[in-house]
Amino acid sequence: RTNTEVWVTNFLSDSVSIVDIGASPPHVVRT
């Protein structure tokens, strides 16, 4: 969505992971 906010759809988990790739280290910030 932005240069640091990335969304991933998880087929088996029935969820969406929102990843902050600008953080150190990058990590999931919301499910």
Full PDB file with SEQRES, HELIX, SHEET, SSBOND, CRYST1, ORIGX, SCALE, CONECT and MASTER records, all heavy atoms in Angstrom:
SEQRES   1 A   31  ARG THR ASN THR GLU VAL TRP VAL THR ASN PHE LEU SER          
SEQRES   2 A   31  ASP SER VAL SER ILE VAL ASP ILE GLY ALA SER PRO PRO          
SEQRES   3 A   31  HIS VAL VAL ARG THR                                          
SHEET    1 AA1 3 GLU A   5  ASN A  10  0                                        
SHEET    2 AA1 3 SER A  15  ASP A  20 -1                                        
SHEET    3 AA1 3 HIS A  27  ARG A  30 -1                                        
CRYST1    1.000    1.000    1.000  90.00  90.00  90.00 P 1           1          
ORIGX1      1.000000  0.000000  0.000000        0.00000                         
ORIGX2      0.000000  1.000000  0.000000        0.00000                         
ORIGX3      0.000000  0.000000  1.000000        0.00000                         
SCALE1      1.000000  0.000000  0.000000        0.00000                         
SCALE2      0.000000  1.000000  0.000000        0.00000                         
SCALE3      0.000000  0.000000  1.000000        0.00000                         
ATOM      1  N   ARG A   1       0.838  -1.199   0.000  1.00  0.00           N  
ATOM      2  CA  ARG A   1       0.000   0.000   0.000  1.00  0.00           C  
ATOM      3  C   ARG A   1       0.873   1.249   0.000  1.00  0.00           C  
ATOM      4  O   ARG A   1       0.546   2.248  -0.642  1.00  0.00           O  
ATOM      5  CB  ARG A   1      -0.934   0.005   1.206  1.00  0.00           C  
ATOM      6  CG  ARG A   1      -2.061   1.043   1.086  1.00  0.00           C  
ATOM      7  CD  ARG A   1      -2.943   1.047   2.311  1.00  0.00           C  
ATOM      8  NE  ARG A   1      -2.309   1.712   3.433  1.00  0.00           N  
ATOM      9  CZ  ARG A   1      -2.338   3.017   3.655  1.00  0.00           C  
ATOM     10  NH1 ARG A   1      -2.949   3.827   2.789  1.00  0.00           N  
ATOM     11  NH2 ARG A   1      -1.759   3.538   4.702  1.00  0.00           N  
ATOM     12  N   THR A   2       1.972   1.212   0.758  1.00  0.00           N  
ATOM     13  CA  THR A   2       2.942   2.302   0.785  1.00  0.00           C  
ATOM     14  C   THR A   2       4.329   1.694   0.610  1.00  0.00           C  
ATOM     15  O   THR A   2       4.474   0.491   0.385  1.00  0.00           O  
ATOM     16  CB  THR A   2       2.868   3.088   2.109  1.00  0.00           C  
ATOM     17  OG1 THR A   2       3.395   2.275   3.161  1.00  0.00           O  
ATOM     18  CG2 THR A   2       1.421   3.476   2.443  1.00  0.00           C  
ATOM     19  N   ASN A   3       5.351   2.506   0.752  1.00  0.00           N  
ATOM     20  CA  ASN A   3       6.712   1.992   0.634  1.00  0.00           C  
ATOM     21  C   ASN A   3       7.121   1.118   1.815  1.00  0.00           C  
ATOM     22  O   ASN A   3       8.125   0.398   1.735  1.00  0.00           O  
ATOM     23  CB  ASN A   3       7.700   3.150   0.492  1.00  0.00           C  
ATOM     24  CG  ASN A   3       7.535   3.885  -0.818  1.00  0.00           C  
ATOM     25  OD1 ASN A   3       7.193   3.287  -1.837  1.00  0.00           O  
ATOM     26  ND2 ASN A   3       7.780   5.189  -0.796  1.00  0.00           N  
ATOM     27  N   THR A   4       6.362   1.164   2.891  1.00  0.00           N  
ATOM     28  CA  THR A   4       6.702   0.373   4.078  1.00  0.00           C  
ATOM     29  C   THR A   4       5.569  -0.523   4.560  1.00  0.00           C  
ATOM     30  O   THR A   4       5.804  -1.417   5.376  1.00  0.00           O  
ATOM     31  CB  THR A   4       7.114   1.300   5.238  1.00  0.00           C  
ATOM     32  OG1 THR A   4       6.025   2.196   5.545  1.00  0.00           O  
ATOM     33  CG2 THR A   4       8.357   2.110   4.880  1.00  0.00           C  
ATOM     34  N   GLU A   5       4.356  -0.314   4.087  1.00  0.00           N  
ATOM     35  CA  GLU A   5       3.192  -1.087   4.548  1.00  0.00           C  
ATOM     36  C   GLU A   5       2.814  -2.118   3.487  1.00  0.00           C  
ATOM     37  O   GLU A   5       2.378  -1.778   2.387  1.00  0.00           O  
ATOM     38  CB  GLU A   5       2.016  -0.161   4.841  1.00  0.00           C  
ATOM     39  CG  GLU A   5       0.779  -0.879   5.367  1.00  0.00           C  
ATOM     40  CD  GLU A   5      -0.387   0.075   5.559  1.00  0.00           C  
ATOM     41  OE1 GLU A   5      -0.156   1.243   5.965  1.00  0.00           O  
ATOM     42  OE2 GLU A   5      -1.530  -0.330   5.279  1.00  0.00           O  
ATOM     43  N   VAL A   6       2.957  -3.386   3.843  1.00  0.00           N  
ATOM     44  CA  VAL A   6       2.732  -4.482   2.896  1.00  0.00           C  
ATOM     45  C   VAL A   6       1.655  -5.411   3.453  1.00  0.00           C  
ATOM     46  O   VAL A   6       1.680  -5.764   4.647  1.00  0.00           O  
ATOM     47  CB  VAL A   6       4.039  -5.265   2.658  1.00  0.00           C  
ATOM     48  CG1 VAL A   6       3.788  -6.484   1.772  1.00  0.00           C  
ATOM     49  CG2 VAL A   6       5.096  -4.360   2.043  1.00  0.00           C  
ATOM     50  N   TRP A   7       0.706  -5.815   2.588  1.00  0.00           N  
ATOM     51  CA  TRP A   7      -0.374  -6.712   2.972  1.00  0.00           C  
ATOM     52  C   TRP A   7      -0.184  -8.052   2.281  1.00  0.00           C  
ATOM     53  O   TRP A   7       0.111  -8.105   1.080  1.00  0.00           O  
ATOM     54  CB  TRP A   7      -1.726  -6.125   2.600  1.00  0.00           C  
ATOM     55  CG  TRP A   7      -2.121  -4.880   3.373  1.00  0.00           C  
ATOM     56  CD1 TRP A   7      -1.339  -3.804   3.641  1.00  0.00           C  
ATOM     57  CD2 TRP A   7      -3.399  -4.616   3.948  1.00  0.00           C  
ATOM     58  NE1 TRP A   7      -2.043  -2.863   4.352  1.00  0.00           N  
ATOM     59  CE2 TRP A   7      -3.316  -3.331   4.551  1.00  0.00           C  
ATOM     60  CE3 TRP A   7      -4.599  -5.308   4.002  1.00  0.00           C  
ATOM     61  CZ2 TRP A   7      -4.400  -2.747   5.194  1.00  0.00           C  
ATOM     62  CZ3 TRP A   7      -5.680  -4.731   4.641  1.00  0.00           C  
ATOM     63  CH2 TRP A   7      -5.581  -3.465   5.246  1.00  0.00           C  
ATOM     64  N   VAL A   8      -0.390  -9.140   3.041  1.00  0.00           N  
ATOM     65  CA  VAL A   8      -0.237 -10.502   2.525  1.00  0.00           C  
ATOM     66  C   VAL A   8      -1.493 -11.297   2.859  1.00  0.00           C  
ATOM     67  O   VAL A   8      -1.931 -11.317   4.017  1.00  0.00           O  
ATOM     68  CB  VAL A   8       0.991 -11.196   3.135  1.00  0.00           C  
ATOM     69  CG1 VAL A   8       1.093 -12.645   2.641  1.00  0.00           C  
ATOM     70  CG2 VAL A   8       2.267 -10.435   2.814  1.00  0.00           C  
ATOM     71  N   THR A   9      -2.087 -11.951   1.858  1.00  0.00           N  
ATOM     72  CA  THR A   9      -3.243 -12.816   2.104  1.00  0.00           C  
ATOM     73  C   THR A   9      -2.762 -14.236   2.339  1.00  0.00           C  
ATOM     74  O   THR A   9      -1.968 -14.771   1.574  1.00  0.00           O  
ATOM     75  CB  THR A   9      -4.232 -12.792   0.918  1.00  0.00           C  
ATOM     76  OG1 THR A   9      -3.561 -13.247  -0.258  1.00  0.00           O  
ATOM     77  CG2 THR A   9      -4.759 -11.398   0.679  1.00  0.00           C  
ATOM     78  N   ASN A  10      -3.269 -14.850   3.414  1.00  0.00           N  
ATOM     79  CA  ASN A  10      -2.861 -16.196   3.816  1.00  0.00           C  
ATOM     80  C   ASN A  10      -4.007 -17.170   3.554  1.00  0.00           C  
ATOM     81  O   ASN A  10      -5.013 -17.182   4.271  1.00  0.00           O  
ATOM     82  CB  ASN A  10      -2.488 -16.200   5.299  1.00  0.00           C  
ATOM     83  CG  ASN A  10      -1.432 -15.162   5.618  1.00  0.00           C  
ATOM     84  OD1 ASN A  10      -0.376 -15.120   4.997  1.00  0.00           O  
ATOM     85  ND2 ASN A  10      -1.718 -14.299   6.593  1.00  0.00           N  
ATOM     86  N   PHE A  11      -3.848 -17.989   2.522  1.00  0.00           N  
ATOM     87  CA  PHE A  11      -4.914 -18.854   2.038  1.00  0.00           C  
ATOM     88  C   PHE A  11      -5.381 -19.846   3.100  1.00  0.00           C  
ATOM     89  O   PHE A  11      -6.580 -20.042   3.293  1.00  0.00           O  
ATOM     90  CB  PHE A  11      -4.414 -19.608   0.798  1.00  0.00           C  
ATOM     91  CG  PHE A  11      -5.420 -20.506   0.140  1.00  0.00           C  
ATOM     92  CD1 PHE A  11      -6.309 -19.997  -0.801  1.00  0.00           C  
ATOM     93  CD2 PHE A  11      -5.474 -21.852   0.441  1.00  0.00           C  
ATOM     94  CE1 PHE A  11      -7.232 -20.828  -1.414  1.00  0.00           C  
ATOM     95  CE2 PHE A  11      -6.396 -22.682  -0.169  1.00  0.00           C  
ATOM     96  CZ  PHE A  11      -7.286 -22.173  -1.104  1.00  0.00           C  
ATOM     97  N   LEU A  12      -4.457 -20.487   3.783  1.00  0.00           N  
ATOM     98  CA  LEU A  12      -4.833 -21.526   4.739  1.00  0.00           C  
ATOM     99  C   LEU A  12      -5.224 -20.955   6.100  1.00  0.00           C  
ATOM    100  O   LEU A  12      -6.069 -21.516   6.794  1.00  0.00           O  
ATOM    101  CB  LEU A  12      -3.678 -22.523   4.901  1.00  0.00           C  
ATOM    102  CG  LEU A  12      -3.961 -23.785   5.707  1.00  0.00           C  
ATOM    103  CD1 LEU A  12      -5.147 -24.556   5.132  1.00  0.00           C  
ATOM    104  CD2 LEU A  12      -2.726 -24.682   5.760  1.00  0.00           C  
ATOM    105  N   SER A  13      -4.644 -19.838   6.479  1.00  0.00           N  
ATOM    106  CA  SER A  13      -4.944 -19.239   7.780  1.00  0.00           C  
ATOM    107  C   SER A  13      -6.216 -18.395   7.769  1.00  0.00           C  
ATOM    108  O   SER A  13      -6.661 -17.942   8.831  1.00  0.00           O  
ATOM    109  CB  SER A  13      -3.772 -18.362   8.240  1.00  0.00           C  
ATOM    110  OG  SER A  13      -2.633 -19.140   8.500  1.00  0.00           O  
ATOM    111  N   ASP A  14      -6.793 -18.152   6.569  1.00  0.00           N  
ATOM    112  CA  ASP A  14      -7.973 -17.289   6.460  1.00  0.00           C  
ATOM    113  C   ASP A  14      -7.707 -15.923   7.091  1.00  0.00           C  
ATOM    114  O   ASP A  14      -8.515 -15.410   7.865  1.00  0.00           O  
ATOM    115  CB  ASP A  14      -9.202 -17.932   7.133  1.00  0.00           C  
ATOM    116  CG  ASP A  14      -9.639 -19.207   6.438  1.00  0.00           C  
ATOM    117  OD1 ASP A  14      -9.157 -19.467   5.315  1.00  0.00           O  
ATOM    118  OD2 ASP A  14     -10.459 -19.944   7.007  1.00  0.00           O  
ATOM    119  N   SER A  15      -6.559 -15.360   6.757  1.00  0.00           N  
ATOM    120  CA  SER A  15      -6.179 -14.102   7.389  1.00  0.00           C  
ATOM    121  C   SER A  15      -5.361 -13.240   6.434  1.00  0.00           C  
ATOM    122  O   SER A  15      -4.956 -13.680   5.359  1.00  0.00           O  
ATOM    123  CB  SER A  15      -5.361 -14.370   8.658  1.00  0.00           C  
ATOM    124  OG  SER A  15      -4.115 -14.960   8.327  1.00  0.00           O  
ATOM    125  N   VAL A  16      -5.130 -12.008   6.862  1.00  0.00           N  
ATOM    126  CA  VAL A  16      -4.277 -11.067   6.146  1.00  0.00           C  
ATOM    127  C   VAL A  16      -3.227 -10.558   7.128  1.00  0.00           C  
ATOM    128  O   VAL A  16      -3.562 -10.114   8.234  1.00  0.00           O  
ATOM    129  CB  VAL A  16      -5.085  -9.889   5.572  1.00  0.00           C  
ATOM    130  CG1 VAL A  16      -4.153  -8.864   4.938  1.00  0.00           C  
ATOM    131  CG2 VAL A  16      -6.105 -10.378   4.557  1.00  0.00           C  
ATOM    132  N   SER A  17      -1.960 -10.650   6.730  1.00  0.00           N  
ATOM    133  CA  SER A  17      -0.868 -10.135   7.563  1.00  0.00           C  
ATOM    134  C   SER A  17      -0.435  -8.776   7.029  1.00  0.00           C  
ATOM    135  O   SER A  17      -0.141  -8.644   5.836  1.00  0.00           O  
ATOM    136  CB  SER A  17       0.328 -11.091   7.547  1.00  0.00           C  
ATOM    137  OG  SER A  17      -0.020 -12.349   8.062  1.00  0.00           O  
ATOM    138  N   ILE A  18      -0.407  -7.775   7.899  1.00  0.00           N  
ATOM    139  CA  ILE A  18       0.093  -6.450   7.536  1.00  0.00           C  
ATOM    140  C   ILE A  18       1.514  -6.338   8.080  1.00  0.00           C  
ATOM    141  O   ILE A  18       1.740  -6.462   9.288  1.00  0.00           O  
ATOM    142  CB  ILE A  18      -0.802  -5.339   8.103  1.00  0.00           C  
ATOM    143  CG1 ILE A  18      -2.242  -5.511   7.600  1.00  0.00           C  
ATOM    144  CG2 ILE A  18      -0.268  -3.970   7.706  1.00  0.00           C  
ATOM    145  CD1 ILE A  18      -3.210  -4.480   8.134  1.00  0.00           C  
ATOM    146  N   VAL A  19       2.464  -6.134   7.182  1.00  0.00           N  
ATOM    147  CA  VAL A  19       3.877  -6.165   7.533  1.00  0.00           C  
ATOM    148  C   VAL A  19       4.471  -4.765   7.398  1.00  0.00           C  
ATOM    149  O   VAL A  19       4.264  -4.091   6.391  1.00  0.00           O  
ATOM    150  CB  VAL A  19       4.644  -7.144   6.625  1.00  0.00           C  
ATOM    151  CG1 VAL A  19       6.107  -7.227   7.037  1.00  0.00           C  
ATOM    152  CG2 VAL A  19       3.998  -8.531   6.660  1.00  0.00           C  
ATOM    153  N   ASP A  20       5.201  -4.359   8.413  1.00  0.00           N  
ATOM    154  CA  ASP A  20       5.951  -3.103   8.368  1.00  0.00           C  
ATOM    155  C   ASP A  20       7.372  -3.440   7.930  1.00  0.00           C  
ATOM    156  O   ASP A  20       8.179  -3.937   8.714  1.00  0.00           O  
ATOM    157  CB  ASP A  20       5.953  -2.437   9.745  1.00  0.00           C  
ATOM    158  CG  ASP A  20       6.675  -1.092   9.742  1.00  0.00           C  
ATOM    159  OD1 ASP A  20       7.202  -0.691   8.679  1.00  0.00           O  
ATOM    160  OD2 ASP A  20       6.727  -0.447  10.806  1.00  0.00           O  
ATOM    161  N   ILE A  21       7.674  -3.202   6.648  1.00  0.00           N  
ATOM    162  CA  ILE A  21       9.007  -3.535   6.146  1.00  0.00           C  
ATOM    163  C   ILE A  21       9.999  -2.400   6.396  1.00  0.00           C  
ATOM    164  O   ILE A  21      11.190  -2.534   6.101  1.00  0.00           O  
ATOM    165  CB  ILE A  21       8.970  -3.886   4.647  1.00  0.00           C  
ATOM    166  CG1 ILE A  21       8.563  -2.665   3.812  1.00  0.00           C  
ATOM    167  CG2 ILE A  21       8.039  -5.055   4.388  1.00  0.00           C  
ATOM    168  CD1 ILE A  21       8.699  -2.897   2.315  1.00  0.00           C  
ATOM    169  N   GLY A  22       9.509  -1.273   6.939  1.00  0.00           N  
ATOM    170  CA  GLY A  22      10.400  -0.175   7.278  1.00  0.00           C  
ATOM    171  C   GLY A  22      10.983  -0.298   8.661  1.00  0.00           C  
ATOM    172  O   GLY A  22      11.931   0.414   9.017  1.00  0.00           O  
ATOM    173  N   ALA A  23      10.425  -1.215   9.470  1.00  0.00           N  
ATOM    174  CA  ALA A  23      10.930  -1.418  10.831  1.00  0.00           C  
ATOM    175  C   ALA A  23      12.218  -2.233  10.781  1.00  0.00           C  
ATOM    176  O   ALA A  23      12.552  -2.855   9.778  1.00  0.00           O  
ATOM    177  CB  ALA A  23       9.878  -2.124  11.676  1.00  0.00           C  
ATOM    178  N   SER A  24      12.938  -2.233  11.890  1.00  0.00           N  
ATOM    179  CA  SER A  24      14.178  -2.999  11.985  1.00  0.00           C  
ATOM    180  C   SER A  24      14.113  -3.895  13.235  1.00  0.00           C  
ATOM    181  O   SER A  24      14.257  -3.417  14.361  1.00  0.00           O  
ATOM    182  CB  SER A  24      15.384  -2.062  12.076  1.00  0.00           C  
ATOM    183  OG  SER A  24      16.579  -2.801  12.109  1.00  0.00           O  
ATOM    184  N   PRO A  25      13.867  -5.193  13.048  1.00  0.00           N  
ATOM    185  CA  PRO A  25      13.670  -5.878  11.768  1.00  0.00           C  
ATOM    186  C   PRO A  25      12.220  -5.748  11.299  1.00  0.00           C  
ATOM    187  O   PRO A  25      11.332  -5.436  12.103  1.00  0.00           O  
ATOM    188  CB  PRO A  25      14.009  -7.324  12.113  1.00  0.00           C  
ATOM    189  CG  PRO A  25      13.562  -7.450  13.540  1.00  0.00           C  
ATOM    190  CD  PRO A  25      13.889  -6.138  14.189  1.00  0.00           C  
ATOM    191  N   PRO A  26      11.950  -5.998  10.008  1.00  0.00           N  
ATOM    192  CA  PRO A  26      10.561  -5.989   9.519  1.00  0.00           C  
ATOM    193  C   PRO A  26       9.747  -7.049  10.254  1.00  0.00           C  
ATOM    194  O   PRO A  26      10.254  -8.126  10.584  1.00  0.00           O  
ATOM    195  CB  PRO A  26      10.718  -6.332   8.032  1.00  0.00           C  
ATOM    196  CG  PRO A  26      12.126  -5.982   7.702  1.00  0.00           C  
ATOM    197  CD  PRO A  26      12.920  -6.268   8.939  1.00  0.00           C  
ATOM    198  N   HIS A  27       8.475  -6.755  10.511  1.00  0.00           N  
ATOM    199  CA  HIS A  27       7.649  -7.705  11.255  1.00  0.00           C  
ATOM    200  C   HIS A  27       6.169  -7.434  10.987  1.00  0.00           C  
ATOM    201  O   HIS A  27       5.800  -6.372  10.467  1.00  0.00           O  
ATOM    202  CB  HIS A  27       7.934  -7.603  12.760  1.00  0.00           C  
ATOM    203  CG  HIS A  27       7.652  -6.238  13.329  1.00  0.00           C  
ATOM    204  ND1 HIS A  27       8.561  -5.209  13.264  1.00  0.00           N  
ATOM    205  CD2 HIS A  27       6.553  -5.728  13.962  1.00  0.00           C  
ATOM    206  CE1 HIS A  27       8.062  -4.139  13.832  1.00  0.00           C  
ATOM    207  NE2 HIS A  27       6.830  -4.422  14.260  1.00  0.00           N  
ATOM    208  N   VAL A  28       5.327  -8.406  11.358  1.00  0.00           N  
ATOM    209  CA  VAL A  28       3.876  -8.283  11.227  1.00  0.00           C  
ATOM    210  C   VAL A  28       3.368  -7.379  12.347  1.00  0.00           C  
ATOM    211  O   VAL A  28       3.644  -7.615  13.529  1.00  0.00           O  
ATOM    212  CB  VAL A  28       3.194  -9.660  11.297  1.00  0.00           C  
ATOM    213  CG1 VAL A  28       1.674  -9.510  11.292  1.00  0.00           C  
ATOM    214  CG2 VAL A  28       3.640 -10.543  10.140  1.00  0.00           C  
ATOM    215  N   VAL A  29       2.605  -6.351  11.965  1.00  0.00           N  
ATOM    216  CA  VAL A  29       2.083  -5.411  12.960  1.00  0.00           C  
ATOM    217  C   VAL A  29       0.590  -5.604  13.208  1.00  0.00           C  
ATOM    218  O   VAL A  29       0.061  -5.105  14.204  1.00  0.00           O  
ATOM    219  CB  VAL A  29       2.354  -3.961  12.526  1.00  0.00           C  
ATOM    220  CG1 VAL A  29       3.849  -3.674  12.508  1.00  0.00           C  
ATOM    221  CG2 VAL A  29       1.736  -3.662  11.161  1.00  0.00           C  
ATOM    222  N   ARG A  30      -0.095  -6.322  12.300  1.00  0.00           N  
ATOM    223  CA  ARG A  30      -1.535  -6.530  12.489  1.00  0.00           C  
ATOM    224  C   ARG A  30      -1.970  -7.741  11.671  1.00  0.00           C  
ATOM    225  O   ARG A  30      -1.461  -7.976  10.567  1.00  0.00           O  
ATOM    226  CB  ARG A  30      -2.315  -5.287  12.048  1.00  0.00           C  
ATOM    227  CG  ARG A  30      -3.818  -5.320  12.358  1.00  0.00           C  
ATOM    228  CD  ARG A  30      -4.078  -5.152  13.840  1.00  0.00           C  
ATOM    229  NE  ARG A  30      -5.464  -5.325  14.197  1.00  0.00           N  
ATOM    230  CZ  ARG A  30      -6.364  -4.317  14.282  1.00  0.00           C  
ATOM    231  NH1 ARG A  30      -5.982  -3.074  14.026  1.00  0.00           N  
ATOM    232  NH2 ARG A  30      -7.609  -4.562  14.647  1.00  0.00           N  
ATOM    233  N   THR A  31      -2.880  -8.516  12.220  1.00  0.00           N  
ATOM    234  CA  THR A  31      -3.463  -9.655  11.515  1.00  0.00           C  
ATOM    235  C   THR A  31      -4.975  -9.460  11.438  1.00  0.00           C  
ATOM    236  O   THR A  31      -5.625  -9.258  12.470  1.00  0.00           O  
ATOM    237  CB  THR A  31      -3.143 -10.977  12.224  1.00  0.00           C  
ATOM    238  OG1 THR A  31      -1.726 -11.170  12.246  1.00  0.00           O  
ATOM    239  CG2 THR A  31      -3.783 -12.146  11.494  1.00  0.00           C  
TER     240      THR A  31                                                      
MASTER        0    0    0    0    3    0    0    6  239    1    0    3          
END                                                                             
